[in-house]
C-alpha cells in the first residue's frame, strides 16, 4: 500500500529540488565560463564541453517535462 505524500513533504521536496537545481546550474555555469580551467595536467579544458552538454541536456529534459505537463490539462 502506498501513501500519498503530505503537502508539507511535497513542498519540502520541491524546495530541495529547486535548491539543488540552482547549485548544479551555478556549478555548470562556472565550469563553462572556465573558472576551473587552467590545469592541462588534469584535462580541465574538457570541463567546458561537458558542462555545455549537461546544460543542453538539462534544458531538453525540462522542456520535455513541461510539454508533458501541458498536455495533461487537455
C-alpha atoms as a PDB file:
ATOM      1  CA  UNK A   1       0.000   0.000   0.000  1.00  0.00           C
ATOM      2  CA  UNK A   2       1.404   3.364  -0.967  1.00  0.00           C
ATOM      3  CA  UNK A   3       0.850   6.551   0.926  1.00  0.00           C
ATOM      4  CA  UNK A   4       0.237   9.827  -0.821  1.00  0.00           C
ATOM      5  CA  UNK A   5       2.801  12.467   0.097  1.00  0.00           C
ATOM      6  CA  UNK A   6       1.679  15.077   2.537  1.00  0.00           C
ATOM      7  CA  UNK A   7       1.569  18.686   1.354  1.00  0.00           C
ATOM      8  CA  UNK A   8       4.445  19.670   3.656  1.00  0.00           C
ATOM      9  CA  UNK A   9       6.596  16.844   2.315  1.00  0.00           C
ATOM     10  CA  UNK A  10       5.768  17.811  -1.244  1.00  0.00           C
ATOM     11  CA  UNK A  11       6.670  21.445  -0.588  1.00  0.00           C
ATOM     12  CA  UNK A  12       9.905  20.420   1.120  1.00  0.00           C
ATOM     13  CA  UNK A  13      10.897  18.058  -1.680  1.00  0.00           C
ATOM     14  CA  UNK A  14      10.158  20.653  -4.378  1.00  0.00           C
ATOM     15  CA  UNK A  15      12.115  23.301  -2.465  1.00  0.00           C
ATOM     16  CA  UNK A  16      15.052  20.937  -2.024  1.00  0.00           C
ATOM     17  CA  UNK A  17      14.928  20.038  -5.715  1.00  0.00           C
ATOM     18  CA  UNK A  18      14.924  23.734  -6.659  1.00  0.00           C
ATOM     19  CA  UNK A  19      17.906  24.468  -4.401  1.00  0.00           C
ATOM     20  CA  UNK A  20      19.855  21.519  -5.795  1.00  0.00           C
ATOM     21  CA  UNK A  21      18.996  22.657  -9.328  1.00  0.00           C
ATOM     22  CA  UNK A  22      20.281  26.159  -8.633  1.00  0.00           C
ATOM     23  CA  UNK A  23      23.520  24.845  -7.115  1.00  0.00           C
ATOM     24  CA  UNK A  24      24.136  22.441 -10.001  1.00  0.00           C
ATOM     25  CA  UNK A  25      23.260  25.122 -12.558  1.00  0.00           C
ATOM     26  CA  UNK A  26      25.643  27.589 -10.917  1.00  0.00           C
ATOM     27  CA  UNK A  27      28.409  24.985 -10.895  1.00  0.00           C
ATOM     28  CA  UNK A  28      27.823  24.232 -14.589  1.00  0.00           C
ATOM     29  CA  UNK A  29      27.917  27.947 -15.378  1.00  0.00           C
ATOM     30  CA  UNK A  30      31.248  28.305 -13.592  1.00  0.00           C
ATOM     31  CA  UNK A  31      32.574  25.300 -15.485  1.00  0.00           C
ATOM     32  CA  UNK A  32      31.506  26.756 -18.837  1.00  0.00           C
ATOM     33  CA  UNK A  33      32.977  30.157 -18.059  1.00  0.00           C
ATOM     34  CA  UNK A  34      36.294  28.497 -17.267  1.00  0.00           C
ATOM     35  CA  UNK A  35      36.568  29.165 -13.554  1.00  0.00           C
ATOM     36  CA  UNK A  36      38.029  25.701 -13.010  1.00  0.00           C
ATOM     37  CA  UNK A  37      40.080  25.670 -16.206  1.00  0.00           C
ATOM     38  CA  UNK A  38      43.796  26.131 -16.491  1.00  0.00           C
ATOM     39  CA  UNK A  39      45.039  22.755 -15.323  1.00  0.00           C
ATOM     40  CA  UNK A  40      46.202  20.986 -18.511  1.00  0.00           C
ATOM     41  CA  UNK A  41      47.589  18.106 -16.492  1.00  0.00           C
ATOM     42  CA  UNK A  42      44.046  17.176 -15.434  1.00  0.00           C
ATOM     43  CA  UNK A  43      42.406  17.924 -18.827  1.00  0.00           C
ATOM     44  CA  UNK A  44      40.193  20.628 -17.371  1.00  0.00           C
ATOM     45  CA  UNK A  45      39.647  22.138 -20.825  1.00  0.00           C
ATOM     46  CA  UNK A  46      37.170  19.305 -21.380  1.00  0.00           C
ATOM     47  CA  UNK A  47      35.065  20.560 -18.478  1.00  0.00           C
ATOM     48  CA  UNK A  48      33.646  23.363 -20.629  1.00  0.00           C
ATOM     49  CA  UNK A  49      32.463  20.898 -23.270  1.00  0.00           C
ATOM     50  CA  UNK A  50      30.990  18.554 -20.676  1.00  0.00           C
ATOM     51  CA  UNK A  51      29.302  21.474 -18.909  1.00  0.00           C
ATOM     52  CA  UNK A  52      27.677  22.709 -22.116  1.00  0.00           C
ATOM     53  CA  UNK A  53      26.412  19.220 -22.929  1.00  0.00           C
ATOM     54  CA  UNK A  54      24.939  18.877 -19.428  1.00  0.00           C
ATOM     55  CA  UNK A  55      23.274  22.295 -19.654  1.00  0.00           C
ATOM     56  CA  UNK A  56      21.734  21.380 -23.028  1.00  0.00           C
ATOM     57  CA  UNK A  57      20.572  18.010 -21.703  1.00  0.00           C
ATOM     58  CA  UNK A  58      19.032  19.620 -18.621  1.00  0.00           C
ATOM     59  CA  UNK A  59      17.194  22.155 -20.775  1.00  0.00           C
ATOM     60  CA  UNK A  60      15.913  19.372 -23.016  1.00  0.00           C
ATOM     61  CA  UNK A  61      14.666  17.346 -20.063  1.00  0.00           C
ATOM     62  CA  UNK A  62      12.920  20.397 -18.587  1.00  0.00           C
ATOM     63  CA  UNK A  63      11.298  21.094 -21.952  1.00  0.00           C
ATOM     64  CA  UNK A  64      10.006  17.523 -22.247  1.00  0.00           C
ATOM     65  CA  UNK A  65       8.641  17.510 -18.683  1.00  0.00           C
ATOM     66  CA  UNK A  66       6.948  20.872 -19.211  1.00  0.00           C
ATOM     67  CA  UNK A  67       5.415  19.759 -22.506  1.00  0.00           C
ATOM     68  CA  UNK A  68       4.020  16.631 -20.888  1.00  0.00           C
ATOM     69  CA  UNK A  69       2.537  18.694 -18.061  1.00  0.00           C
ATOM     70  CA  UNK A  70       0.795  20.986 -20.577  1.00  0.00           C
ATOM     71  CA  UNK A  71      -0.755  18.022 -22.379  1.00  0.00           C
ATOM     72  CA  UNK A  72      -2.156  16.660 -19.132  1.00  0.00           C
ATOM     73  CA  UNK A  73      -4.551  19.628 -18.837  1.00  0.00           C
ATOM     74  CA  UNK A  74      -6.378  18.721 -22.058  1.00  0.00           C
END
